[in-house]
Amino acid sequence: MEKKDVQRLFMQHYAKMLRVARTILGDEQESKDVVSDVFANLLHGHTVLVDGSEERYLLTSVRNQCLKRLRHEEVKQRMSCKMVTAELSTDMCDEDERMADIDEFVATHFSQQERRIFCLRFSDGCSYAEIAASEGISTVAVWKHLSHVLTLIRNHFKK
């Protein structure tokens, strides 16, 4: 396809193509990359567009490129999760052992109130508002206690 034809299509359809890509991907830069790739393929490829089908072809190409990128990201995430899971399973023998270590750390390093808040949140599944009501403190205080506890647990077990 000729450069002047690609430029004409770019001027006519870029905004709509970008909107479609943003809707699918939700990321401005990724969307611009996808639309640019579609035009680059037109410029360097051997695609011949029939008058009247140009917009449909361009929007379909954008949609397909977006879906291809999303599938690629999903595969990358799954592979990453599998690698992390494999690492974790070799690092720690057993989930029960890990939980016992955390319980022991919480029991020996935190105040009674922090232990209650921790247990209400992670054992009983209570919301911040429910914990605040039962402890007679604000939800911000609940958040601060949990943040403190989790930071210390992360730092301790990071070693």
N, C-alpha and C. Protein backbone atom coordinates (compact mmCIF):
# COMPACT_ATOMS: atom_id res chain seq x y z
N MET A 1 0.85 -1.17 0.00
CA MET A 1 0.00 0.00 0.00
C MET A 1 0.90 1.24 0.00
N GLU A 2 0.47 2.25 -0.70
CA GLU A 2 1.25 3.48 -0.85
C GLU A 2 1.23 4.29 0.45
N LYS A 3 2.30 5.03 0.67
CA LYS A 3 2.42 5.84 1.87
C LYS A 3 1.30 6.88 1.97
N LYS A 4 0.96 7.52 0.84
CA LYS A 4 -0.10 8.55 0.86
C LYS A 4 -1.45 7.94 1.21
N ASP A 5 -1.70 6.70 0.80
CA ASP A 5 -2.95 6.03 1.15
C ASP A 5 -3.01 5.73 2.65
N VAL A 6 -1.88 5.28 3.18
CA VAL A 6 -1.81 4.98 4.62
C VAL A 6 -1.98 6.27 5.42
N GLN A 7 -1.39 7.36 4.95
CA GLN A 7 -1.55 8.65 5.63
C GLN A 7 -3.01 9.10 5.62
N ARG A 8 -3.69 8.91 4.50
CA ARG A 8 -5.10 9.27 4.40
C ARG A 8 -5.93 8.44 5.38
N LEU A 9 -5.68 7.15 5.42
CA LEU A 9 -6.40 6.27 6.36
C LEU A 9 -6.11 6.66 7.79
N PHE A 10 -4.85 7.01 8.06
CA PHE A 10 -4.44 7.44 9.40
C PHE A 10 -5.25 8.67 9.81
N MET A 11 -5.31 9.66 8.96
CA MET A 11 -6.03 10.90 9.28
C MET A 11 -7.53 10.63 9.47
N GLN A 12 -8.09 9.72 8.71
CA GLN A 12 -9.53 9.45 8.79
C GLN A 12 -9.92 8.59 9.98
N HIS A 13 -9.10 7.59 10.34
CA HIS A 13 -9.55 6.55 11.26
C HIS A 13 -8.76 6.43 12.56
N TYR A 14 -7.69 7.20 12.70
CA TYR A 14 -6.83 7.04 13.89
C TYR A 14 -7.60 7.21 15.20
N ALA A 15 -8.40 8.25 15.32
CA ALA A 15 -9.09 8.54 16.59
C ALA A 15 -10.03 7.40 16.97
N LYS A 16 -10.79 6.90 16.01
CA LYS A 16 -11.73 5.81 16.29
C LYS A 16 -10.97 4.53 16.65
N MET A 17 -9.89 4.26 15.94
CA MET A 17 -9.08 3.07 16.22
C MET A 17 -8.49 3.15 17.63
N LEU A 18 -8.01 4.32 18.00
CA LEU A 18 -7.43 4.51 19.32
C LEU A 18 -8.48 4.32 20.41
N ARG A 19 -9.69 4.81 20.18
CA ARG A 19 -10.79 4.62 21.14
C ARG A 19 -11.10 3.14 21.35
N VAL A 20 -11.13 2.39 20.25
CA VAL A 20 -11.40 0.95 20.35
C VAL A 20 -10.29 0.26 21.15
N ALA A 21 -9.05 0.60 20.85
CA ALA A 21 -7.92 -0.01 21.55
C ALA A 21 -7.93 0.34 23.04
N ARG A 22 -8.22 1.60 23.36
CA ARG A 22 -8.28 2.02 24.77
C ARG A 22 -9.39 1.30 25.51
N THR A 23 -10.51 1.10 24.84
CA THR A 23 -11.63 0.40 25.45
C THR A 23 -11.24 -1.04 25.80
N ILE A 24 -10.53 -1.68 24.92
CA ILE A 24 -10.15 -3.07 25.14
C ILE A 24 -8.99 -3.19 26.12
N LEU A 25 -7.97 -2.38 25.93
CA LEU A 25 -6.74 -2.52 26.72
C LEU A 25 -6.74 -1.69 28.01
N GLY A 26 -7.38 -0.55 27.98
CA GLY A 26 -7.40 0.30 29.17
C GLY A 26 -6.09 1.01 29.44
N ASP A 27 -5.20 1.04 28.47
CA ASP A 27 -3.89 1.66 28.66
C ASP A 27 -3.59 2.52 27.44
N GLU A 28 -3.31 3.78 27.67
CA GLU A 28 -3.11 4.74 26.59
C GLU A 28 -1.92 4.37 25.70
N GLN A 29 -0.77 4.11 26.30
CA GLN A 29 0.43 3.83 25.51
C GLN A 29 0.32 2.52 24.74
N GLU A 30 -0.21 1.48 25.39
CA GLU A 30 -0.43 0.20 24.71
C GLU A 30 -1.35 0.40 23.51
N SER A 31 -2.38 1.21 23.70
CA SER A 31 -3.35 1.46 22.64
C SER A 31 -2.69 2.15 21.45
N LYS A 32 -1.88 3.15 21.74
CA LYS A 32 -1.16 3.84 20.66
C LYS A 32 -0.23 2.88 19.93
N ASP A 33 0.44 2.00 20.68
CA ASP A 33 1.33 1.02 20.05
C ASP A 33 0.57 0.09 19.12
N VAL A 34 -0.59 -0.37 19.56
CA VAL A 34 -1.40 -1.28 18.74
C VAL A 34 -1.81 -0.59 17.44
N VAL A 35 -2.33 0.61 17.54
CA VAL A 35 -2.78 1.33 16.35
C VAL A 35 -1.59 1.59 15.42
N SER A 36 -0.46 1.95 15.97
CA SER A 36 0.74 2.18 15.15
C SER A 36 1.16 0.89 14.45
N ASP A 37 1.08 -0.22 15.14
CA ASP A 37 1.43 -1.52 14.53
C ASP A 37 0.52 -1.84 13.36
N VAL A 38 -0.76 -1.54 13.48
CA VAL A 38 -1.70 -1.80 12.39
C VAL A 38 -1.31 -0.98 11.17
N PHE A 39 -0.99 0.30 11.37
CA PHE A 39 -0.60 1.13 10.23
C PHE A 39 0.76 0.71 9.67
N ALA A 40 1.68 0.30 10.53
CA ALA A 40 2.98 -0.17 10.05
C ALA A 40 2.81 -1.42 9.20
N ASN A 41 1.93 -2.32 9.63
CA ASN A 41 1.67 -3.53 8.84
C ASN A 41 1.08 -3.18 7.48
N LEU A 42 0.21 -2.17 7.45
CA LEU A 42 -0.36 -1.73 6.17
C LEU A 42 0.73 -1.17 5.26
N LEU A 43 1.59 -0.38 5.84
CA LEU A 43 2.62 0.29 5.06
C LEU A 43 3.65 -0.70 4.51
N HIS A 44 4.02 -1.69 5.31
CA HIS A 44 5.08 -2.61 4.91
C HIS A 44 4.57 -3.93 4.38
N GLY A 45 3.28 -4.15 4.48
CA GLY A 45 2.70 -5.42 4.04
C GLY A 45 2.19 -5.33 2.62
N HIS A 46 1.50 -6.37 2.22
CA HIS A 46 0.96 -6.43 0.86
C HIS A 46 -0.57 -6.44 0.90
N THR A 47 -1.14 -5.79 1.89
CA THR A 47 -2.58 -5.75 2.06
C THR A 47 -3.20 -4.77 1.07
N VAL A 48 -4.24 -5.22 0.41
CA VAL A 48 -4.98 -4.36 -0.51
C VAL A 48 -6.38 -4.19 0.08
N LEU A 49 -6.76 -2.94 0.31
CA LEU A 49 -8.07 -2.66 0.89
C LEU A 49 -9.04 -2.22 -0.19
N VAL A 50 -10.24 -2.75 -0.11
CA VAL A 50 -11.30 -2.38 -1.05
C VAL A 50 -12.01 -1.15 -0.49
N ASP A 51 -12.32 -0.20 -1.38
CA ASP A 51 -13.05 0.99 -0.93
C ASP A 51 -14.34 0.58 -0.24
N GLY A 52 -14.62 1.23 0.89
CA GLY A 52 -15.83 0.93 1.64
C GLY A 52 -15.61 -0.07 2.76
N SER A 53 -14.53 -0.85 2.69
CA SER A 53 -14.27 -1.84 3.75
C SER A 53 -13.07 -1.45 4.60
N GLU A 54 -12.52 -0.28 4.32
CA GLU A 54 -11.30 0.15 5.00
C GLU A 54 -11.51 0.27 6.51
N GLU A 55 -12.56 0.99 6.90
CA GLU A 55 -12.81 1.21 8.33
C GLU A 55 -13.04 -0.11 9.05
N ARG A 56 -13.84 -0.98 8.46
CA ARG A 56 -14.12 -2.28 9.08
C ARG A 56 -12.82 -3.08 9.24
N TYR A 57 -11.99 -3.06 8.19
CA TYR A 57 -10.72 -3.78 8.26
C TYR A 57 -9.82 -3.22 9.36
N LEU A 58 -9.71 -1.89 9.43
CA LEU A 58 -8.83 -1.26 10.41
C LEU A 58 -9.30 -1.52 11.84
N LEU A 59 -10.60 -1.39 12.09
CA LEU A 59 -11.13 -1.62 13.44
C LEU A 59 -11.01 -3.08 13.84
N THR A 60 -11.23 -3.98 12.88
CA THR A 60 -11.07 -5.41 13.17
C THR A 60 -9.60 -5.73 13.45
N SER A 61 -8.70 -5.11 12.70
CA SER A 61 -7.27 -5.32 12.93
C SER A 61 -6.85 -4.85 14.32
N VAL A 62 -7.38 -3.69 14.73
CA VAL A 62 -7.07 -3.16 16.06
C VAL A 62 -7.59 -4.11 17.14
N ARG A 63 -8.84 -4.54 16.98
CA ARG A 63 -9.42 -5.47 17.95
C ARG A 63 -8.58 -6.75 18.05
N ASN A 64 -8.21 -7.31 16.91
CA ASN A 64 -7.43 -8.55 16.92
C ASN A 64 -6.06 -8.36 17.56
N GLN A 65 -5.41 -7.23 17.26
CA GLN A 65 -4.10 -6.95 17.86
C GLN A 65 -4.23 -6.79 19.38
N CYS A 66 -5.29 -6.12 19.81
CA CYS A 66 -5.51 -5.94 21.26
C CYS A 66 -5.73 -7.29 21.94
N LEU A 67 -6.57 -8.11 21.36
CA LEU A 67 -6.83 -9.44 21.94
C LEU A 67 -5.57 -10.29 21.96
N LYS A 68 -4.76 -10.16 20.92
CA LYS A 68 -3.49 -10.90 20.88
C LYS A 68 -2.57 -10.45 22.02
N ARG A 69 -2.50 -9.15 22.26
CA ARG A 69 -1.67 -8.64 23.36
C ARG A 69 -2.19 -9.09 24.72
N LEU A 70 -3.52 -9.06 24.88
CA LEU A 70 -4.10 -9.51 26.15
C LEU A 70 -3.81 -10.99 26.39
N ARG A 71 -3.94 -11.82 25.36
CA ARG A 71 -3.62 -13.25 25.50
C ARG A 71 -2.15 -13.44 25.85
N HIS A 72 -1.30 -12.65 25.22
CA HIS A 72 0.13 -12.75 25.50
C HIS A 72 0.43 -12.39 26.96
N GLU A 73 -0.19 -11.32 27.45
CA GLU A 73 -0.01 -10.92 28.85
C GLU A 73 -0.54 -11.98 29.80
N GLU A 74 -1.67 -12.58 29.44
CA GLU A 74 -2.25 -13.62 30.29
C GLU A 74 -1.31 -14.83 30.38
N VAL A 75 -0.72 -15.21 29.26
CA VAL A 75 0.22 -16.33 29.25
C VAL A 75 1.45 -15.98 30.08
N LYS A 76 1.95 -14.75 29.94
CA LYS A 76 3.10 -14.33 30.73
C LYS A 76 2.79 -14.39 32.22
N GLN A 77 1.59 -13.95 32.61
CA GLN A 77 1.20 -13.97 34.02
C GLN A 77 1.09 -15.40 34.53
N ARG A 78 0.48 -16.28 33.73
CA ARG A 78 0.35 -17.67 34.16
C ARG A 78 1.71 -18.32 34.35
N MET A 79 2.62 -18.04 33.42
CA MET A 79 3.96 -18.60 33.53
C MET A 79 4.68 -18.04 34.76
N SER A 80 4.50 -16.76 35.01
CA SER A 80 5.10 -16.13 36.18
C SER A 80 4.55 -16.75 37.46
N CYS A 81 3.23 -16.95 37.50
CA CYS A 81 2.61 -17.56 38.68
C CYS A 81 3.12 -18.98 38.89
N LYS A 82 3.26 -19.73 37.81
CA LYS A 82 3.77 -21.10 37.94
C LYS A 82 5.20 -21.09 38.48
N MET A 83 6.02 -20.15 38.01
CA MET A 83 7.40 -20.08 38.48
C MET A 83 7.44 -19.69 39.95
N VAL A 84 6.60 -18.71 40.34
CA VAL A 84 6.57 -18.27 41.74
C VAL A 84 6.08 -19.41 42.63
N THR A 85 5.04 -20.12 42.18
CA THR A 85 4.52 -21.24 42.95
C THR A 85 5.57 -22.32 43.12
N ALA A 86 6.31 -22.59 42.07
CA ALA A 86 7.37 -23.60 42.15
C ALA A 86 8.44 -23.16 43.15
N GLU A 87 8.80 -21.87 43.11
CA GLU A 87 9.80 -21.36 44.04
C GLU A 87 9.30 -21.45 45.48
N LEU A 88 8.04 -21.06 45.68
CA LEU A 88 7.49 -21.10 47.03
C LEU A 88 7.41 -22.52 47.57
N SER A 89 7.03 -23.45 46.70
CA SER A 89 6.91 -24.82 47.18
C SER A 89 8.27 -25.41 47.54
N THR A 90 9.32 -24.95 46.89
CA THR A 90 10.64 -25.45 47.26
C THR A 90 11.19 -24.70 48.47
N ASP A 91 10.82 -23.41 48.61
CA ASP A 91 11.31 -22.63 49.74
C ASP A 91 10.67 -23.06 51.06
N MET A 92 9.39 -23.25 51.07
CA MET A 92 8.67 -23.61 52.30
C MET A 92 8.07 -24.99 52.10
N CYS A 93 8.28 -25.84 53.05
CA CYS A 93 7.83 -27.22 52.92
C CYS A 93 6.32 -27.32 52.85
N ASP A 94 5.64 -26.56 53.67
CA ASP A 94 4.23 -26.84 53.84
C ASP A 94 3.49 -25.59 54.26
N GLU A 95 2.27 -25.44 53.77
CA GLU A 95 1.43 -24.29 54.15
C GLU A 95 1.19 -24.25 55.65
N ASP A 96 0.95 -25.40 56.24
CA ASP A 96 0.70 -25.46 57.69
C ASP A 96 1.92 -24.98 58.48
N GLU A 97 3.10 -25.35 58.01
CA GLU A 97 4.33 -24.89 58.67
C GLU A 97 4.43 -23.37 58.62
N ARG A 98 4.13 -22.82 57.43
CA ARG A 98 4.18 -21.37 57.26
C ARG A 98 3.21 -20.68 58.19
N MET A 99 1.99 -21.18 58.25
CA MET A 99 0.97 -20.58 59.12
C MET A 99 1.37 -20.69 60.59
N ALA A 100 1.96 -21.81 60.97
CA ALA A 100 2.41 -21.98 62.35
C ALA A 100 3.50 -20.96 62.68
N ASP A 101 4.42 -20.74 61.73
CA ASP A 101 5.48 -19.75 61.93
C ASP A 101 4.89 -18.34 62.10
N ILE A 102 3.91 -18.00 61.27
CA ILE A 102 3.29 -16.68 61.36
C ILE A 102 2.55 -16.55 62.69
N ASP A 103 1.79 -17.59 63.08
CA ASP A 103 1.05 -17.55 64.35
C ASP A 103 2.01 -17.36 65.53
N GLU A 104 3.13 -18.07 65.49
CA GLU A 104 4.11 -17.95 66.58
C GLU A 104 4.70 -16.54 66.61
N PHE A 105 5.01 -15.99 65.45
CA PHE A 105 5.57 -14.65 65.38
C PHE A 105 4.57 -13.62 65.90
N VAL A 106 3.31 -13.74 65.49
CA VAL A 106 2.27 -12.81 65.94
C VAL A 106 2.09 -12.91 67.45
N ALA A 107 2.09 -14.12 67.98
CA ALA A 107 1.87 -14.34 69.41
C ALA A 107 2.99 -13.75 70.26
N THR A 108 4.21 -13.74 69.74
CA THR A 108 5.34 -13.29 70.55
C THR A 108 5.75 -11.84 70.30
N HIS A 109 5.31 -11.23 69.21
CA HIS A 109 5.81 -9.90 68.88
C HIS A 109 4.77 -8.78 68.90
N PHE A 110 3.50 -9.09 69.14
CA PHE A 110 2.48 -8.06 69.06
C PHE A 110 1.66 -7.97 70.33
N SER A 111 1.06 -6.79 70.50
CA SER A 111 0.21 -6.58 71.67
C SER A 111 -1.07 -7.41 71.53
N GLN A 112 -1.79 -7.49 72.63
CA GLN A 112 -3.02 -8.28 72.63
C GLN A 112 -4.02 -7.68 71.64
N GLN A 113 -4.11 -6.36 71.61
CA GLN A 113 -5.05 -5.71 70.68
C GLN A 113 -4.65 -5.99 69.22
N GLU A 114 -3.37 -5.90 68.92
CA GLU A 114 -2.92 -6.17 67.55
C GLU A 114 -3.22 -7.62 67.16
N ARG A 115 -3.02 -8.55 68.10
CA ARG A 115 -3.33 -9.96 67.82
C ARG A 115 -4.82 -10.14 67.56
N ARG A 116 -5.67 -9.49 68.37
CA ARG A 116 -7.11 -9.60 68.17
C ARG A 116 -7.52 -9.05 66.80
N ILE A 117 -6.99 -7.89 66.46
CA ILE A 117 -7.31 -7.26 65.18
C ILE A 117 -6.84 -8.15 64.03
N PHE A 118 -5.63 -8.68 64.14
CA PHE A 118 -5.08 -9.57 63.12
C PHE A 118 -5.96 -10.80 62.94
N CYS A 119 -6.36 -11.42 64.05
CA CYS A 119 -7.20 -12.62 63.99
C CYS A 119 -8.59 -12.31 63.45
N LEU A 120 -9.16 -11.19 63.87
CA LEU A 120 -10.49 -10.82 63.37
C LEU A 120 -10.45 -10.62 61.85
N ARG A 121 -9.39 -10.02 61.37
CA ARG A 121 -9.30 -9.74 59.93
C ARG A 121 -9.00 -11.00 59.13
N PHE A 122 -7.98 -11.75 59.54
CA PHE A 122 -7.50 -12.83 58.69
C PHE A 122 -8.02 -14.21 59.07
N SER A 123 -8.45 -14.41 60.27
CA SER A 123 -9.04 -15.70 60.64
C SER A 123 -10.55 -15.67 60.48
N ASP A 124 -11.17 -14.59 60.98
CA ASP A 124 -12.62 -14.50 60.96
C ASP A 124 -13.15 -13.79 59.71
N GLY A 125 -12.27 -13.09 59.00
CA GLY A 125 -12.68 -12.41 57.77
C GLY A 125 -13.53 -11.18 57.99
N CYS A 126 -13.38 -10.54 59.14
CA CYS A 126 -14.18 -9.34 59.45
C CYS A 126 -13.70 -8.15 58.63
N SER A 127 -14.62 -7.24 58.34
CA SER A 127 -14.25 -6.02 57.64
C SER A 127 -13.62 -5.04 58.63
N TYR A 128 -13.02 -3.98 58.09
CA TYR A 128 -12.42 -2.96 58.95
C TYR A 128 -13.48 -2.34 59.86
N ALA A 129 -14.67 -2.09 59.29
CA ALA A 129 -15.74 -1.48 60.08
C ALA A 129 -16.18 -2.40 61.21
N GLU A 130 -16.29 -3.69 60.95
CA GLU A 130 -16.68 -4.64 61.99
C GLU A 130 -15.63 -4.72 63.10
N ILE A 131 -14.37 -4.72 62.70
CA ILE A 131 -13.28 -4.76 63.69
C ILE A 131 -13.30 -3.49 64.52
N ALA A 132 -13.46 -2.35 63.86
CA ALA A 132 -13.48 -1.06 64.56
C ALA A 132 -14.61 -1.03 65.59
N ALA A 133 -15.77 -1.54 65.20
CA ALA A 133 -16.91 -1.55 66.12
C ALA A 133 -16.64 -2.47 67.32
N SER A 134 -16.07 -3.64 67.08
CA SER A 134 -15.84 -4.57 68.18
C SER A 134 -14.72 -4.12 69.11
N GLU A 135 -13.74 -3.38 68.57
CA GLU A 135 -12.61 -2.92 69.38
C GLU A 135 -12.83 -1.52 69.95
N GLY A 136 -13.82 -0.83 69.46
CA GLY A 136 -14.09 0.53 69.94
C GLY A 136 -13.07 1.54 69.45
N ILE A 137 -12.57 1.33 68.22
CA ILE A 137 -11.59 2.26 67.63
C ILE A 137 -12.08 2.63 66.23
N SER A 138 -11.38 3.55 65.58
CA SER A 138 -11.78 3.97 64.23
C SER A 138 -11.26 2.98 63.19
N THR A 139 -11.83 3.04 62.00
CA THR A 139 -11.35 2.17 60.92
C THR A 139 -9.92 2.54 60.51
N VAL A 140 -9.57 3.82 60.65
CA VAL A 140 -8.20 4.25 60.36
C VAL A 140 -7.23 3.59 61.34
N ALA A 141 -7.61 3.50 62.60
CA ALA A 141 -6.77 2.83 63.60
C ALA A 141 -6.62 1.35 63.27
N VAL A 142 -7.71 0.72 62.81
CA VAL A 142 -7.63 -0.68 62.40
C VAL A 142 -6.63 -0.83 61.27
N TRP A 143 -6.73 0.06 60.28
CA TRP A 143 -5.82 0.02 59.14
C TRP A 143 -4.37 0.19 59.61
N LYS A 144 -4.13 1.13 60.52
CA LYS A 144 -2.77 1.37 61.02
C LYS A 144 -2.23 0.15 61.75
N HIS A 145 -3.05 -0.48 62.60
CA HIS A 145 -2.61 -1.68 63.31
C HIS A 145 -2.27 -2.80 62.32
N LEU A 146 -3.15 -3.03 61.36
CA LEU A 146 -2.91 -4.10 60.39
C LEU A 146 -1.69 -3.81 59.51
N SER A 147 -1.55 -2.56 59.13
CA SER A 147 -0.40 -2.17 58.32
C SER A 147 0.89 -2.43 59.09
N HIS A 148 0.92 -2.05 60.35
CA HIS A 148 2.09 -2.27 61.21
C HIS A 148 2.40 -3.76 61.34
N VAL A 149 1.37 -4.54 61.64
CA VAL A 149 1.56 -5.99 61.83
C VAL A 149 2.07 -6.63 60.54
N LEU A 150 1.45 -6.30 59.42
CA LEU A 150 1.85 -6.92 58.15
C LEU A 150 3.25 -6.50 57.73
N THR A 151 3.62 -5.26 57.99
CA THR A 151 4.97 -4.81 57.67
C THR A 151 6.01 -5.60 58.47
N LEU A 152 5.75 -5.77 59.75
CA LEU A 152 6.69 -6.52 60.57
C LEU A 152 6.75 -7.99 60.16
N ILE A 153 5.61 -8.57 59.84
CA ILE A 153 5.61 -9.97 59.38
C ILE A 153 6.38 -10.11 58.09
N ARG A 154 6.14 -9.22 57.12
CA ARG A 154 6.87 -9.27 55.84
C ARG A 154 8.38 -9.15 56.08
N ASN A 155 8.77 -8.17 56.87
CA ASN A 155 10.20 -7.95 57.13
C ASN A 155 10.83 -9.15 57.82
N HIS A 156 10.11 -9.74 58.76
CA HIS A 156 10.64 -10.90 59.49
C HIS A 156 10.82 -12.10 58.56
N PHE A 157 9.84 -12.37 57.72
CA PHE A 157 9.89 -13.57 56.89
C PHE A 157 10.63 -13.34 55.57
N LYS A 158 10.95 -12.10 55.27
CA LYS A 158 11.75 -11.81 54.09
C LYS A 158 13.17 -12.35 54.27
N LYS A 159 13.62 -12.34 55.55
CA LYS A 159 14.95 -12.84 55.87
C LYS A 159 14.97 -14.32 55.64
